Amino acid sequence: MGQVQVLRTSKLHRKTVSKRQYRKFPYEKVAKLWGQCKTIAQIGHSIKRVDKDSATGDLYHSLRNFLYRMHRGYKNKSGRTVRLPHRVSQLTIRAARKAGLRAW
């Protein structure tokens, strides 16, 4: 019996799938609007991040996630990590987090 030779095929015949392109998030503009005490809805409409086709009806879900991340820290134009300031007291934030964890 002879040996069976296994040939390696090249990957050239496979269809290449490009990476999904996301829109850049305007951190500076959101920080500026947040500093002007604009609401989440106003900020969402001004940067065109309103999810009208949301299955849950939550129009500003992605914007609220970005605001959460910005409160944790984001890089500004100069490359420094800065935090978006909260509009309420630290006590209120702590109470809201505690209530949310209790409901979970």
PDB file of N, CA and C in Angstrom:
ATOM      1  N   MET A   1       0.826  -1.181   0.000  1.00  0.00           N
ATOM      2  CA  MET A   1       0.000   0.000   0.000  1.00  0.00           C
ATOM      3  C   MET A   1       0.870   1.243   0.000  1.00  0.00           C
ATOM      4  N   GLY A   2       0.467   2.198  -0.797  1.00  0.00           N
ATOM      5  CA  GLY A   2       1.225   3.432  -0.903  1.00  0.00           C
ATOM      6  C   GLY A   2       0.770   4.454   0.125  1.00  0.00           C
ATOM      7  N   GLN A   3       1.603   5.418   0.302  1.00  0.00           N
ATOM      8  CA  GLN A   3       1.234   6.487   1.234  1.00  0.00           C
ATOM      9  C   GLN A   3       0.312   7.482   0.537  1.00  0.00           C
ATOM     10  N   VAL A   4      -0.609   8.035   1.327  1.00  0.00           N
ATOM     11  CA  VAL A   4      -1.526   9.045   0.804  1.00  0.00           C
ATOM     12  C   VAL A   4      -0.923  10.406   1.089  1.00  0.00           C
ATOM     13  N   GLN A   5      -0.784  11.189   0.044  1.00  0.00           N
ATOM     14  CA  GLN A   5      -0.192  12.515   0.224  1.00  0.00           C
ATOM     15  C   GLN A   5      -1.314  13.534   0.416  1.00  0.00           C
ATOM     16  N   VAL A   6      -1.215  14.275   1.499  1.00  0.00           N
ATOM     17  CA  VAL A   6      -2.223  15.290   1.803  1.00  0.00           C
ATOM     18  C   VAL A   6      -1.668  16.636   1.357  1.00  0.00           C
ATOM     19  N   LEU A   7      -2.383  17.255   0.460  1.00  0.00           N
ATOM     20  CA  LEU A   7      -1.951  18.563  -0.043  1.00  0.00           C
ATOM     21  C   LEU A   7      -2.610  19.661   0.779  1.00  0.00           C
ATOM     22  N   ARG A   8      -1.867  20.671   1.059  1.00  0.00           N
ATOM     23  CA  ARG A   8      -2.430  21.828   1.761  1.00  0.00           C
ATOM     24  C   ARG A   8      -2.917  22.826   0.734  1.00  0.00           C
ATOM     25  N   THR A   9      -4.142  23.192   0.869  1.00  0.00           N
ATOM     26  CA  THR A   9      -4.688  24.151  -0.087  1.00  0.00           C
ATOM     27  C   THR A   9      -4.456  25.558   0.434  1.00  0.00           C
ATOM     28  N   SER A  10      -4.316  26.449  -0.486  1.00  0.00           N
ATOM     29  CA  SER A  10      -4.092  27.840  -0.075  1.00  0.00           C
ATOM     30  C   SER A  10      -5.413  28.462   0.343  1.00  0.00           C
ATOM     31  N   LYS A  11      -5.309  29.541   1.049  1.00  0.00           N
ATOM     32  CA  LYS A  11      -6.499  30.236   1.529  1.00  0.00           C
ATOM     33  C   LYS A  11      -6.948  31.314   0.548  1.00  0.00           C
ATOM     34  N   LEU A  12      -6.327  31.357  -0.615  1.00  0.00           N
ATOM     35  CA  LEU A  12      -6.654  32.392  -1.585  1.00  0.00           C
ATOM     36  C   LEU A  12      -8.059  32.243  -2.156  1.00  0.00           C
ATOM     37  N   HIS A  13      -8.546  31.031  -2.209  1.00  0.00           N
ATOM     38  CA  HIS A  13      -9.858  30.819  -2.791  1.00  0.00           C
ATOM     39  C   HIS A  13     -10.991  31.232  -1.851  1.00  0.00           C
ATOM     40  N   ARG A  14     -10.684  31.413  -0.588  1.00  0.00           N
ATOM     41  CA  ARG A  14     -11.716  31.811   0.366  1.00  0.00           C
ATOM     42  C   ARG A  14     -12.082  33.277   0.174  1.00  0.00           C
ATOM     43  N   LYS A  15     -13.330  33.545   0.376  1.00  0.00           N
ATOM     44  CA  LYS A  15     -13.801  34.926   0.256  1.00  0.00           C
ATOM     45  C   LYS A  15     -13.303  35.720   1.461  1.00  0.00           C
ATOM     46  N   THR A  16     -12.710  36.843   1.207  1.00  0.00           N
ATOM     47  CA  THR A  16     -12.214  37.655   2.321  1.00  0.00           C
ATOM     48  C   THR A  16     -13.359  38.484   2.886  1.00  0.00           C
ATOM     49  N   VAL A  17     -13.426  38.494   4.182  1.00  0.00           N
ATOM     50  CA  VAL A  17     -14.467  39.247   4.873  1.00  0.00           C
ATOM     51  C   VAL A  17     -13.796  40.444   5.528  1.00  0.00           C
ATOM     52  N   SER A  18     -14.246  41.623   5.160  1.00  0.00           N
ATOM     53  CA  SER A  18     -13.630  42.815   5.738  1.00  0.00           C
ATOM     54  C   SER A  18     -14.214  43.086   7.119  1.00  0.00           C
ATOM     55  N   LYS A  19     -13.427  43.763   7.942  1.00  0.00           N
ATOM     56  CA  LYS A  19     -13.865  44.113   9.286  1.00  0.00           C
ATOM     57  C   LYS A  19     -15.002  45.114   9.213  1.00  0.00           C
ATOM     58  N   ARG A  20     -15.927  45.012  10.152  1.00  0.00           N
ATOM     59  CA  ARG A  20     -17.049  45.941  10.174  1.00  0.00           C
ATOM     60  C   ARG A  20     -16.566  47.338  10.519  1.00  0.00           C
ATOM     61  N   GLN A  21     -17.040  48.308   9.782  1.00  0.00           N
ATOM     62  CA  GLN A  21     -16.646  49.690  10.008  1.00  0.00           C
ATOM     63  C   GLN A  21     -17.661  50.362  10.937  1.00  0.00           C
ATOM     64  N   TYR A  22     -17.172  50.898  12.036  1.00  0.00           N
ATOM     65  CA  TYR A  22     -18.020  51.624  12.970  1.00  0.00           C
ATOM     66  C   TYR A  22     -17.779  53.116  12.814  1.00  0.00           C
ATOM     67  N   ARG A  23     -18.813  53.887  13.076  1.00  0.00           N
ATOM     68  CA  ARG A  23     -18.640  55.341  13.057  1.00  0.00           C
ATOM     69  C   ARG A  23     -17.848  55.752  14.282  1.00  0.00           C
ATOM     70  N   LYS A  24     -16.963  56.715  14.124  1.00  0.00           N
ATOM     71  CA  LYS A  24     -16.205  57.219  15.264  1.00  0.00           C
ATOM     72  C   LYS A  24     -17.149  57.936  16.214  1.00  0.00           C
ATOM     73  N   PHE A  25     -16.955  57.702  17.504  1.00  0.00           N
ATOM     74  CA  PHE A  25     -17.818  58.346  18.485  1.00  0.00           C
ATOM     75  C   PHE A  25     -17.248  59.723  18.821  1.00  0.00           C
ATOM     76  N   PRO A  26     -18.071  60.762  18.766  1.00  0.00           N
ATOM     77  CA  PRO A  26     -17.589  62.131  19.013  1.00  0.00           C
ATOM     78  C   PRO A  26     -17.462  62.458  20.504  1.00  0.00           C
ATOM     79  N   TYR A  27     -16.417  61.941  21.141  1.00  0.00           N
ATOM     80  CA  TYR A  27     -16.226  62.135  22.583  1.00  0.00           C
ATOM     81  C   TYR A  27     -16.182  63.613  22.957  1.00  0.00           C
ATOM     82  N   GLU A  28     -15.443  64.395  22.187  1.00  0.00           N
ATOM     83  CA  GLU A  28     -15.285  65.827  22.520  1.00  0.00           C
ATOM     84  C   GLU A  28     -16.621  66.565  22.448  1.00  0.00           C
ATOM     85  N   LYS A  29     -17.398  66.278  21.414  1.00  0.00           N
ATOM     86  CA  LYS A  29     -18.686  66.967  21.266  1.00  0.00           C
ATOM     87  C   LYS A  29     -19.642  66.586  22.392  1.00  0.00           C
ATOM     88  N   VAL A  30     -19.654  65.305  22.756  1.00  0.00           N
ATOM     89  CA  VAL A  30     -20.532  64.853  23.844  1.00  0.00           C
ATOM     90  C   VAL A  30     -20.115  65.507  25.159  1.00  0.00           C
ATOM     91  N   ALA A  31     -18.814  65.583  25.406  1.00  0.00           N
ATOM     92  CA  ALA A  31     -18.332  66.214  26.640  1.00  0.00           C
ATOM     93  C   ALA A  31     -18.738  67.688  26.681  1.00  0.00           C
ATOM     94  N   LYS A  32     -18.659  68.347  25.533  1.00  0.00           N
ATOM     95  CA  LYS A  32     -19.029  69.763  25.474  1.00  0.00           C
ATOM     96  C   LYS A  32     -20.524  69.940  25.737  1.00  0.00           C
ATOM     97  N   LEU A  33     -21.347  69.101  25.095  1.00  0.00           N
ATOM     98  CA  LEU A  33     -22.797  69.187  25.294  1.00  0.00           C
ATOM     99  C   LEU A  33     -23.191  68.808  26.723  1.00  0.00           C
ATOM    100  N   TRP A  34     -22.491  67.831  27.301  1.00  0.00           N
ATOM    101  CA  TRP A  34     -22.752  67.427  28.687  1.00  0.00           C
ATOM    102  C   TRP A  34     -22.423  68.584  29.630  1.00  0.00           C
ATOM    103  N   GLY A  35     -21.359  69.303  29.336  1.00  0.00           N
ATOM    104  CA  GLY A  35     -20.977  70.463  30.145  1.00  0.00           C
ATOM    105  C   GLY A  35     -21.989  71.597  30.047  1.00  0.00           C
ATOM    106  N   GLN A  36     -22.725  71.647  28.939  1.00  0.00           N
ATOM    107  CA  GLN A  36     -23.773  72.665  28.754  1.00  0.00           C
ATOM    108  C   GLN A  36     -25.103  72.214  29.348  1.00  0.00           C
ATOM    109  N   CYS A  37     -25.102  71.104  30.091  1.00  0.00           N
ATOM    110  CA  CYS A  37     -26.287  70.552  30.754  1.00  0.00           C
ATOM    111  C   CYS A  37     -27.397  70.152  29.785  1.00  0.00           C
ATOM    112  N   LYS A  38     -27.021  69.623  28.622  1.00  0.00           N
ATOM    113  CA  LYS A  38     -28.004  69.101  27.676  1.00  0.00           C
ATOM    114  C   LYS A  38     -28.468  67.731  28.162  1.00  0.00           C
ATOM    115  N   THR A  39     -29.698  67.358  27.802  1.00  0.00           N
ATOM    116  CA  THR A  39     -30.225  66.058  28.199  1.00  0.00           C
ATOM    117  C   THR A  39     -29.652  64.966  27.295  1.00  0.00           C
ATOM    118  N   ILE A  40     -29.828  63.715  27.706  1.00  0.00           N
ATOM    119  CA  ILE A  40     -29.345  62.595  26.904  1.00  0.00           C
ATOM    120  C   ILE A  40     -30.046  62.583  25.544  1.00  0.00           C
ATOM    121  N   ALA A  41     -31.331  62.898  25.524  1.00  0.00           N
ATOM    122  CA  ALA A  41     -32.071  62.939  24.261  1.00  0.00           C
ATOM    123  C   ALA A  41     -31.522  64.027  23.338  1.00  0.00           C
ATOM    124  N   GLN A  42     -31.251  65.198  23.875  1.00  0.00           N
ATOM    125  CA  GLN A  42     -30.716  66.291  23.058  1.00  0.00           C
ATOM    126  C   GLN A  42     -29.338  65.937  22.506  1.00  0.00           C
ATOM    127  N   ILE A  43     -28.505  65.329  23.345  1.00  0.00           N
ATOM    128  CA  ILE A  43     -27.167  64.929  22.891  1.00  0.00           C
ATOM    129  C   ILE A  43     -27.286  63.853  21.814  1.00  0.00           C
ATOM    130  N   GLY A  44     -28.166  62.875  22.032  1.00  0.00           N
ATOM    131  CA  GLY A  44     -28.360  61.793  21.072  1.00  0.00           C
ATOM    132  C   GLY A  44     -28.782  62.288  19.707  1.00  0.00           C
ATOM    133  N   HIS A  45     -29.709  63.245  19.684  1.00  0.00           N
ATOM    134  CA  HIS A  45     -30.163  63.783  18.404  1.00  0.00           C
ATOM    135  C   HIS A  45     -29.086  64.639  17.743  1.00  0.00           C
ATOM    136  N   SER A  46     -28.312  65.355  18.520  1.00  0.00           N
ATOM    137  CA  SER A  46     -27.294  66.225  17.920  1.00  0.00           C
ATOM    138  C   SER A  46     -26.126  65.436  17.332  1.00  0.00           C
ATOM    139  N   ILE A  47     -25.824  64.259  17.886  1.00  0.00           N
ATOM    140  CA  ILE A  47     -24.734  63.454  17.322  1.00  0.00           C
ATOM    141  C   ILE A  47     -25.273  62.302  16.473  1.00  0.00           C
ATOM    142  N   LYS A  48     -26.595  62.280  16.276  1.00  0.00           N
ATOM    143  CA  LYS A  48     -27.259  61.270  15.445  1.00  0.00           C
ATOM    144  C   LYS A  48     -27.001  59.851  15.922  1.00  0.00           C
ATOM    145  N   ARG A  49     -27.187  59.631  17.217  1.00  0.00           N
ATOM    146  CA  ARG A  49     -27.064  58.300  17.816  1.00  0.00           C
ATOM    147  C   ARG A  49     -28.390  57.910  18.460  1.00  0.00           C
ATOM    148  N   VAL A  50     -29.459  57.929  17.686  1.00  0.00           N
ATOM    149  CA  VAL A  50     -30.779  57.542  18.173  1.00  0.00           C
ATOM    150  C   VAL A  50     -31.166  56.267  17.441  1.00  0.00           C
ATOM    151  N   ASP A  51     -31.430  55.202  18.187  1.00  0.00           N
ATOM    152  CA  ASP A  51     -31.753  53.899  17.600  1.00  0.00           C
ATOM    153  C   ASP A  51     -33.264  53.776  17.464  1.00  0.00           C
ATOM    154  N   LYS A  52     -33.794  54.241  16.330  1.00  0.00           N
ATOM    155  CA  LYS A  52     -35.241  54.236  16.123  1.00  0.00           C
ATOM    156  C   LYS A  52     -35.792  52.827  15.913  1.00  0.00           C
ATOM    157  N   ASP A  53     -34.936  51.885  15.488  1.00  0.00           N
ATOM    158  CA  ASP A  53     -35.381  50.514  15.222  1.00  0.00           C
ATOM    159  C   ASP A  53     -35.146  49.577  16.407  1.00  0.00           C
ATOM    160  N   SER A  54     -34.982  50.133  17.583  1.00  0.00           N
ATOM    161  CA  SER A  54     -34.699  49.312  18.759  1.00  0.00           C
ATOM    162  C   SER A  54     -35.882  48.412  19.101  1.00  0.00           C
ATOM    163  N   ALA A  55     -35.581  47.140  19.331  1.00  0.00           N
ATOM    164  CA  ALA A  55     -36.644  46.185  19.664  1.00  0.00           C
ATOM    165  C   ALA A  55     -37.235  46.454  21.035  1.00  0.00           C
ATOM    166  N   THR A  56     -36.411  46.973  21.951  1.00  0.00           N
ATOM    167  CA  THR A  56     -36.891  47.216  23.312  1.00  0.00           C
ATOM    168  C   THR A  56     -37.495  48.605  23.471  1.00  0.00           C
ATOM    169  N   GLY A  57     -37.355  49.448  22.458  1.00  0.00           N
ATOM    170  CA  GLY A  57     -37.880  50.801  22.553  1.00  0.00           C
ATOM    171  C   GLY A  57     -36.932  51.762  23.245  1.00  0.00           C
ATOM    172  N   ASP A  58     -35.729  51.311  23.544  1.00  0.00           N
ATOM    173  CA  ASP A  58     -34.734  52.153  24.214  1.00  0.00           C
ATOM    174  C   ASP A  58     -33.948  52.917  23.144  1.00  0.00           C
ATOM    175  N   LEU A  59     -34.342  54.149  22.907  1.00  0.00           N
ATOM    176  CA  LEU A  59     -33.753  54.929  21.815  1.00  0.00           C
ATOM    177  C   LEU A  59     -32.312  55.353  22.078  1.00  0.00           C
ATOM    178  N   TYR A  60     -31.940  55.519  23.337  1.00  0.00           N
ATOM    179  CA  TYR A  60     -30.639  56.117  23.672  1.00  0.00           C
ATOM    180  C   TYR A  60     -29.707  55.135  24.374  1.00  0.00           C
ATOM    181  N   HIS A  61     -29.903  53.850  24.139  1.00  0.00           N
ATOM    182  CA  HIS A  61     -29.113  52.822  24.825  1.00  0.00           C
ATOM    183  C   HIS A  61     -27.616  52.974  24.561  1.00  0.00           C
ATOM    184  N   SER A  62     -27.225  53.103  23.306  1.00  0.00           N
ATOM    185  CA  SER A  62     -25.794  53.183  22.978  1.00  0.00           C
ATOM    186  C   SER A  62     -25.179  54.454  23.555  1.00  0.00           C
ATOM    187  N   LEU A  63     -25.917  55.553  23.526  1.00  0.00           N
ATOM    188  CA  LEU A  63     -25.398  56.804  24.076  1.00  0.00           C
ATOM    189  C   LEU A  63     -25.190  56.693  25.585  1.00  0.00           C
ATOM    190  N   ARG A  64     -26.138  56.060  26.283  1.00  0.00           N
ATOM    191  CA  ARG A  64     -25.979  55.905  27.730  1.00  0.00           C
ATOM    192  C   ARG A  64     -24.794  55.013  28.065  1.00  0.00           C
ATOM    193  N   ASN A  65     -24.542  54.004  27.247  1.00  0.00           N
ATOM    194  CA  ASN A  65     -23.360  53.169  27.462  1.00  0.00           C
ATOM    195  C   ASN A  65     -22.083  53.971  27.284  1.00  0.00           C
ATOM    196  N   PHE A  66     -22.043  54.826  26.271  1.00  0.00           N
ATOM    197  CA  PHE A  66     -20.861  55.659  26.066  1.00  0.00           C
ATOM    198  C   PHE A  66     -20.687  56.655  27.207  1.00  0.00           C
ATOM    199  N   LEU A  67     -21.785  57.204  27.721  1.00  0.00           N
ATOM    200  CA  LEU A  67     -21.683  58.123  28.852  1.00  0.00           C
ATOM    201  C   LEU A  67     -21.133  57.404  30.075  1.00  0.00           C
ATOM    202  N   TYR A  68     -21.568  56.170  30.290  1.00  0.00           N
ATOM    203  CA  TYR A  68     -21.055  55.364  31.404  1.00  0.00           C
ATOM    204  C   TYR A  68     -19.545  55.189  31.268  1.00  0.00           C
ATOM    205  N   ARG A  69     -19.105  54.859  30.053  1.00  0.00           N
ATOM    206  CA  ARG A  69     -17.667  54.686  29.816  1.00  0.00           C
ATOM    207  C   ARG A  69     -16.912  55.999  29.980  1.00  0.00           C
ATOM    208  N   MET A  70     -17.528  57.090  29.557  1.00  0.00           N
ATOM    209  CA  MET A  70     -16.864  58.393  29.676  1.00  0.00           C
ATOM    210  C   MET A  70     -16.734  58.809  31.136  1.00  0.00           C
ATOM    211  N   HIS A  71     -17.685  58.419  31.976  1.00  0.00           N
ATOM    212  CA  HIS A  71     -17.567  58.700  33.407  1.00  0.00           C
ATOM    213  C   HIS A  71     -16.393  57.942  33.997  1.00  0.00           C
ATOM    214  N   ARG A  72     -16.114  56.753  33.454  1.00  0.00           N
ATOM    215  CA  ARG A  72     -14.982  55.943  33.903  1.00  0.00           C
ATOM    216  C   ARG A  72     -13.651  56.512  33.415  1.00  0.00           C
ATOM    217  N   GLY A  73     -13.665  57.144  32.249  1.00  0.00           N
ATOM    218  CA  GLY A  73     -12.455  57.729  31.693  1.00  0.00           C
ATOM    219  C   GLY A  73     -12.350  57.486  30.198  1.00  0.00           C
ATOM    220  N   TYR A  74     -11.971  58.527  29.453  1.00  0.00           N
ATOM    221  CA  TYR A  74     -11.789  58.432  28.016  1.00  0.00           C
ATOM    222  C   TYR A  74     -10.612  59.308  27.623  1.00  0.00           C
ATOM    223  N   LYS A  75     -10.067  59.069  26.431  1.00  0.00           N
ATOM    224  CA  LYS A  75      -8.927  59.856  25.963  1.00  0.00           C
ATOM    225  C   LYS A  75      -9.429  61.059  25.185  1.00  0.00           C
ATOM    226  N   ASN A  76      -8.930  62.242  25.553  1.00  0.00           N
ATOM    227  CA  ASN A  76      -9.327  63.444  24.838  1.00  0.00           C
ATOM    228  C   ASN A  76      -8.423  63.651  23.619  1.00  0.00           C
ATOM    229  N   LYS A  77      -8.556  64.799  22.951  1.00  0.00           N
ATOM    230  CA  LYS A  77      -7.781  65.053  21.726  1.00  0.00           C
ATOM    231  C   LYS A  77      -6.279  64.985  21.948  1.00  0.00           C
ATOM    232  N   SER A  78      -5.829  65.457  23.082  1.00  0.00           N
ATOM    233  CA  SER A  78      -4.395  65.481  23.349  1.00  0.00           C
ATOM    234  C   SER A  78      -3.854  64.130  23.835  1.00  0.00           C
ATOM    235  N   GLY A  79      -4.747  63.144  24.012  1.00  0.00           N
ATOM    236  CA  GLY A  79      -4.315  61.814  24.418  1.00  0.00           C
ATOM    237  C   GLY A  79      -4.350  61.571  25.914  1.00  0.00           C
ATOM    238  N   ARG A  80      -4.746  62.565  26.684  1.00  0.00           N
ATOM    239  CA  ARG A  80      -4.835  62.388  28.130  1.00  0.00           C
ATOM    240  C   ARG A  80      -6.142  61.705  28.490  1.00  0.00           C
ATOM    241  N   THR A  81      -6.102  60.857  29.501  1.00  0.00           N
ATOM    242  CA  THR A  81      -7.315  60.213  29.979  1.00  0.00           C
ATOM    243  C   THR A  81      -8.019  61.151  30.944  1.00  0.00           C
ATOM    244  N   VAL A  82      -9.248  61.496  30.607  1.00  0.00           N
ATOM    245  CA  VAL A  82     -10.046  62.393  31.445  1.00  0.00           C
ATOM    246  C   VAL A  82     -11.371  61.718  31.759  1.00  0.00           C
ATOM    247  N   ARG A  83     -12.007  62.169  32.813  1.00  0.00           N
ATOM    248  CA  ARG A  83     -13.302  61.627  33.206  1.00  0.00           C
ATOM    249  C   ARG A  83     -14.388  62.658  32.983  1.00  0.00           C
ATOM    250  N   LEU A  84     -15.535  62.181  32.545  1.00  0.00           N
ATOM    251  CA  LEU A  84     -16.694  63.046  32.398  1.00  0.00           C
ATOM    252  C   LEU A  84     -17.291  63.251  33.790  1.00  0.00           C
ATOM    253  N   PRO A  85     -17.496  64.488  34.214  1.00  0.00           N
ATOM    254  CA  PRO A  85     -18.018  64.700  35.568  1.00  0.00           C
ATOM    255  C   PRO A  85     -19.485  64.295  35.684  1.00  0.00           C
ATOM    256  N   HIS A  86     -19.850  63.803  36.847  1.00  0.00           N
ATOM    257  CA  HIS A  86     -21.255  63.470  37.119  1.00  0.00           C
ATOM    258  C   HIS A  86     -22.005  64.755  37.453  1.00  0.00           C
ATOM    259  N   ARG A  87     -23.311  64.751  37.210  1.00  0.00           N
ATOM    260  CA  ARG A  87     -24.134  65.926  37.497  1.00  0.00           C
ATOM    261  C   ARG A  87     -24.816  65.835  38.854  1.00  0.00           C
ATOM    262  N   VAL A  88     -24.698  64.691  39.491  1.00  0.00           N
ATOM    263  CA  VAL A  88     -25.329  64.499  40.791  1.00  0.00           C
ATOM    264  C   VAL A  88     -24.252  64.172  41.813  1.00  0.00           C
ATOM    265  N   SER A  89     -24.632  64.178  43.079  1.00  0.00           N
ATOM    266  CA  SER A  89     -23.659  63.930  44.136  1.00  0.00           C
ATOM    267  C   SER A  89     -23.227  62.466  44.145  1.00  0.00           C
ATOM    268  N   GLN A  90     -22.092  62.229  44.751  1.00  0.00           N
ATOM    269  CA  GLN A  90     -21.555  60.871  44.873  1.00  0.00           C
ATOM    270  C   GLN A  90     -22.498  59.992  45.689  1.00  0.00           C
ATOM    271  N   LEU A  91     -23.180  60.584  46.661  1.00  0.00           N
ATOM    272  CA  LEU A  91     -24.143  59.853  47.494  1.00  0.00           C
ATOM    273  C   LEU A  91     -25.306  59.329  46.639  1.00  0.00           C
ATOM    274  N   THR A  92     -25.782  60.151  45.712  1.00  0.00           N
ATOM    275  CA  THR A  92     -26.875  59.744  44.827  1.00  0.00           C
ATOM    276  C   THR A  92     -26.433  58.615  43.915  1.00  0.00           C
ATOM    277  N   ILE A  93     -25.217  58.695  43.400  1.00  0.00           N
ATOM    278  CA  ILE A  93     -24.678  57.652  42.520  1.00  0.00           C
ATOM    279  C   ILE A  93     -24.574  56.336  43.277  1.00  0.00           C
ATOM    280  N   ARG A  94     -24.064  56.411  44.488  1.00  0.00           N
ATOM    281  CA  ARG A  94     -23.911  55.216  45.310  1.00  0.00           C
ATOM    282  C   ARG A  94     -25.274  54.581  45.609  1.00  0.00           C
ATOM    283  N   ALA A  95     -26.279  55.418  45.919  1.00  0.00           N
ATOM    284  CA  ALA A  95     -27.619  54.916  46.230  1.00  0.00           C
ATOM    285  C   ALA A  95     -28.262  54.278  45.002  1.00  0.00           C
ATOM    286  N   ALA A  96     -28.067  54.893  43.837  1.00  0.00           N
ATOM    287  CA  ALA A  96     -28.638  54.347  42.601  1.00  0.00           C
ATOM    288  C   ALA A  96     -27.996  53.013  42.254  1.00  0.00           C
ATOM    289  N   ARG A  97     -26.677  52.913  42.427  1.00  0.00           N
ATOM    290  CA  ARG A  97     -25.979  51.664  42.132  1.00  0.00           C
ATOM    291  C   ARG A  97     -26.442  50.557  43.095  1.00  0.00           C
ATOM    292  N   LYS A  98     -26.611  50.922  44.349  1.00  0.00           N
ATOM    293  CA  LYS A  98     -27.046  49.955  45.359  1.00  0.00           C
ATOM    294  C   LYS A  98     -28.455  49.461  45.053  1.00  0.00           C
ATOM    295  N   ALA A  99     -29.342  50.375  44.643  1.00  0.00           N
ATOM    296  CA  ALA A  99     -30.710  50.006  44.302  1.00  0.00           C
ATOM    297  C   ALA A  99     -30.729  49.103  43.074  1.00  0.00           C
ATOM    298  N   GLY A 100     -29.894  49.416  42.103  1.00  0.00           N
ATOM    299  CA  GLY A 100     -29.823  48.598  40.890  1.00  0.00           C
ATOM    300  C   GLY A 100     -29.323  47.201  41.183  1.00  0.00           C
ATOM    301  N   LEU A 101     -28.338  47.084  42.044  1.00  0.00           N
ATOM    302  CA  LEU A 101     -27.814  45.768  42.405  1.00  0.00           C
ATOM    303  C   LEU A 101     -28.827  44.971  43.214  1.00  0.00           C
ATOM    304  N   ARG A 102     -29.612  45.676  44.027  1.00  0.00           N
ATOM    305  CA  ARG A 102     -30.631  45.010  44.837  1.00  0.00           C
ATOM    306  C   ARG A 102     -31.745  44.461  43.923  1.00  0.00           C
ATOM    307  N   ALA A 103     -32.067  45.194  42.862  1.00  0.00           N
ATOM    308  CA  ALA A 103     -33.108  44.770  41.945  1.00  0.00           C
ATOM    309  C   ALA A 103     -32.648  43.639  41.035  1.00  0.00           C
ATOM    310  N   TRP A 104     -31.361  43.461  40.922  1.00  0.00           N
ATOM    311  CA  TRP A 104     -30.797  42.440  40.038  1.00  0.00           C
ATOM    312  C   TRP A 104     -30.953  41.144  40.652  1.00  0.00           C
TER     313      TRP A 104
END
